[in-house]
N, C-alpha and C. Protein backbone atom coordinates (compact mmCIF):
# COMPACT_ATOMS: atom_id res chain seq x y z
N UNK A 1 98.96 126.24 111.78
CA UNK A 1 98.27 127.46 111.20
C UNK A 1 99.09 128.84 111.53
N UNK A 2 99.89 129.24 111.20
CA UNK A 2 100.89 130.45 111.42
C UNK A 2 99.77 131.92 111.94
N UNK A 3 100.33 132.66 112.35
CA UNK A 3 99.61 134.12 112.41
C UNK A 3 99.43 134.65 110.83
N UNK A 4 100.53 134.60 110.10
CA UNK A 4 100.29 135.38 108.82
C UNK A 4 99.09 134.76 108.24
N UNK A 5 99.12 133.57 108.02
CA UNK A 5 98.01 132.65 107.05
C UNK A 5 96.80 132.98 107.60
N UNK A 6 96.28 133.47 108.98
CA UNK A 6 95.06 133.87 109.52
C UNK A 6 94.81 135.16 109.12
N UNK A 7 95.70 135.95 109.79
CA UNK A 7 95.52 137.40 109.32
C UNK A 7 94.74 137.72 107.45
N UNK A 8 95.99 136.81 106.87
CA UNK A 8 95.43 137.21 105.45
C UNK A 8 94.09 136.16 105.18
N UNK A 9 94.00 135.27 105.64
CA UNK A 9 92.52 134.45 106.00
C UNK A 9 91.41 135.30 106.28
N UNK A 10 91.31 135.94 107.36
CA UNK A 10 90.44 136.61 107.94
C UNK A 10 90.14 137.93 107.07
N UNK A 11 91.16 138.52 106.18
CA UNK A 11 90.98 139.88 105.28
C UNK A 11 89.68 139.35 104.24
N UNK A 12 89.67 138.38 103.99
CA UNK A 12 89.31 137.82 102.31
C UNK A 12 87.59 137.55 103.10
N UNK A 13 86.80 138.31 101.85
CA UNK A 13 85.22 137.81 102.29
C UNK A 13 84.54 136.46 101.88
N UNK A 14 83.50 136.01 102.42
CA UNK A 14 83.24 135.06 102.60
C UNK A 14 82.96 134.59 101.11
N UNK A 15 82.60 135.41 100.26
CA UNK A 15 82.14 135.18 98.93
C UNK A 15 83.34 135.15 97.84
N UNK A 16 84.46 135.29 98.24
CA UNK A 16 85.77 135.40 97.53
C UNK A 16 85.87 133.82 97.57
N UNK A 17 86.47 133.38 96.28
CA UNK A 17 86.96 132.40 95.77
C UNK A 17 88.26 131.86 96.47
N UNK A 18 88.92 133.12 96.61
CA UNK A 18 90.61 132.73 96.95
C UNK A 18 90.86 132.02 98.04
N UNK A 19 89.53 133.07 98.81
CA UNK A 19 89.39 132.44 100.49
C UNK A 19 89.52 130.55 100.19
N UNK A 20 89.04 130.10 100.01
CA UNK A 20 88.49 128.50 100.06
C UNK A 20 90.00 128.12 99.13
N UNK A 21 90.38 128.85 98.10
CA UNK A 21 91.86 128.12 97.62
C UNK A 21 92.83 128.22 99.12
N UNK A 22 92.75 128.96 99.16
CA UNK A 22 93.71 129.46 100.57
C UNK A 22 93.51 128.02 101.75
N UNK A 23 92.68 128.21 102.17
CA UNK A 23 92.22 126.98 102.93
C UNK A 23 92.00 125.56 102.22
N UNK A 24 92.20 125.68 101.31
CA UNK A 24 92.47 124.07 101.04
C UNK A 24 93.73 123.79 100.92
N UNK A 25 94.39 124.59 100.47
CA UNK A 25 96.13 124.62 100.35
C UNK A 25 96.78 124.67 101.69
N UNK A 26 96.25 125.34 102.73
CA UNK A 26 96.63 124.98 104.26
C UNK A 26 96.54 123.95 104.54
N UNK A 27 95.24 122.99 104.63
CA UNK A 27 94.90 121.76 105.09
C UNK A 27 95.53 120.40 104.00
N UNK A 28 96.14 121.06 102.94
CA UNK A 28 97.19 120.23 102.23
C UNK A 28 98.34 119.47 102.86
N UNK A 29 98.74 121.64 103.27
CA UNK A 29 100.17 121.26 103.40
C UNK A 29 100.68 120.67 105.05
N UNK A 30 98.87 121.02 105.48
CA UNK A 30 99.07 120.28 106.95
C UNK A 30 98.91 118.87 107.23
N UNK A 31 98.07 118.11 106.36
CA UNK A 31 98.08 116.30 106.02
C UNK A 31 99.53 116.06 105.52
N UNK A 32 100.11 116.91 104.65
CA UNK A 32 101.53 116.43 103.72
C UNK A 32 102.56 116.39 105.20
N UNK A 33 102.58 117.32 106.15
CA UNK A 33 103.09 116.83 107.37
C UNK A 33 103.24 116.34 108.02
N UNK A 34 102.14 115.68 108.12
CA UNK A 34 101.24 114.73 109.58
C UNK A 34 102.13 113.04 108.27
N UNK A 35 101.62 113.33 107.00
CA UNK A 35 102.04 112.10 106.37
C UNK A 35 103.87 111.95 106.85
N UNK A 36 104.74 112.77 106.50
CA UNK A 36 105.46 112.80 106.77
C UNK A 36 106.52 112.52 107.51
N UNK A 37 106.12 112.37 108.84
CA UNK A 37 106.13 112.28 110.24
C UNK A 37 106.56 110.73 110.28
N UNK A 38 107.70 110.47 110.92
CA UNK A 38 107.47 109.05 111.31
C UNK A 38 106.80 108.11 112.10
N UNK A 39 106.62 106.86 111.72
CA UNK A 39 105.58 106.10 112.80
C UNK A 39 105.67 106.38 114.08
N UNK A 40 107.19 106.24 114.36
CA UNK A 40 106.98 105.86 116.14
C UNK A 40 106.97 107.77 116.81
N UNK A 41 107.33 108.68 116.13
CA UNK A 41 106.85 109.92 116.02
C UNK A 41 104.94 109.99 116.62
N UNK A 42 104.53 109.60 115.78
CA UNK A 42 103.13 109.42 115.95
C UNK A 42 102.62 109.00 117.11
N UNK A 43 103.25 107.49 117.32
CA UNK A 43 102.77 106.90 118.56
C UNK A 43 102.92 107.79 119.72
N UNK A 44 104.20 108.07 120.11
CA UNK A 44 104.63 108.72 120.93
C UNK A 44 103.87 110.40 121.39
N UNK A 45 103.20 110.65 120.41
CA UNK A 45 102.43 112.06 119.89
C UNK A 45 100.93 111.20 120.93
N UNK A 46 100.68 110.58 120.59
CA UNK A 46 99.29 109.66 121.23
C UNK A 46 99.54 109.50 122.80
N UNK A 47 100.59 108.79 122.75
CA UNK A 47 101.02 108.24 124.57
C UNK A 47 102.33 108.98 124.75
N UNK A 48 102.04 110.23 125.43
CA UNK A 48 102.94 110.67 126.14
C UNK A 48 103.42 109.89 127.10
N UNK A 49 105.24 110.08 127.28
CA UNK A 49 105.42 109.16 128.42
C UNK A 49 105.87 109.94 129.54
N UNK A 50 104.92 109.11 130.46
CA UNK A 50 105.25 110.13 131.78
C UNK A 50 106.80 109.69 132.55
N UNK A 51 107.19 110.55 133.07
CA UNK A 51 108.44 110.16 134.00
C UNK A 51 108.17 109.67 135.29
N UNK A 52 108.03 108.61 135.82
CA UNK A 52 108.14 107.92 137.12
C UNK A 52 108.95 107.89 137.70
N UNK A 53 109.20 108.21 138.65
CA UNK A 53 110.07 108.05 139.77
C UNK A 53 110.20 107.29 140.86
N UNK A 54 110.65 105.97 140.63
CA UNK A 54 110.91 104.96 141.45
C UNK A 54 111.70 105.31 142.77
N UNK A 55 111.30 105.35 143.74
CA UNK A 55 111.64 105.48 145.10
C UNK A 55 112.01 104.17 145.54
N UNK A 56 113.08 103.73 146.32
CA UNK A 56 113.36 102.86 146.95
C UNK A 56 112.81 103.03 148.26
N UNK A 57 111.59 102.00 148.88
CA UNK A 57 110.94 102.16 150.19
C UNK A 57 111.69 101.07 151.28
N UNK A 58 111.07 100.67 152.46
CA UNK A 58 111.07 100.12 153.36
C UNK A 58 110.68 98.92 153.10
N UNK A 59 110.89 97.60 153.40
CA UNK A 59 110.64 96.35 153.25
C UNK A 59 109.10 96.31 154.49
């Protein structure tokens, strides 16, 4: 969610119907963005790769 969206959302009162429409619109956008991601990208987000530096040691 970007800052402009949050600013507009906070201006609306709790009784205003537009507040809930705006919320549902943003949730739908977030879900569509997640679904458009590739499968490997989802896996890489879940398990971030840690760079392990292998050092040659003495036997």
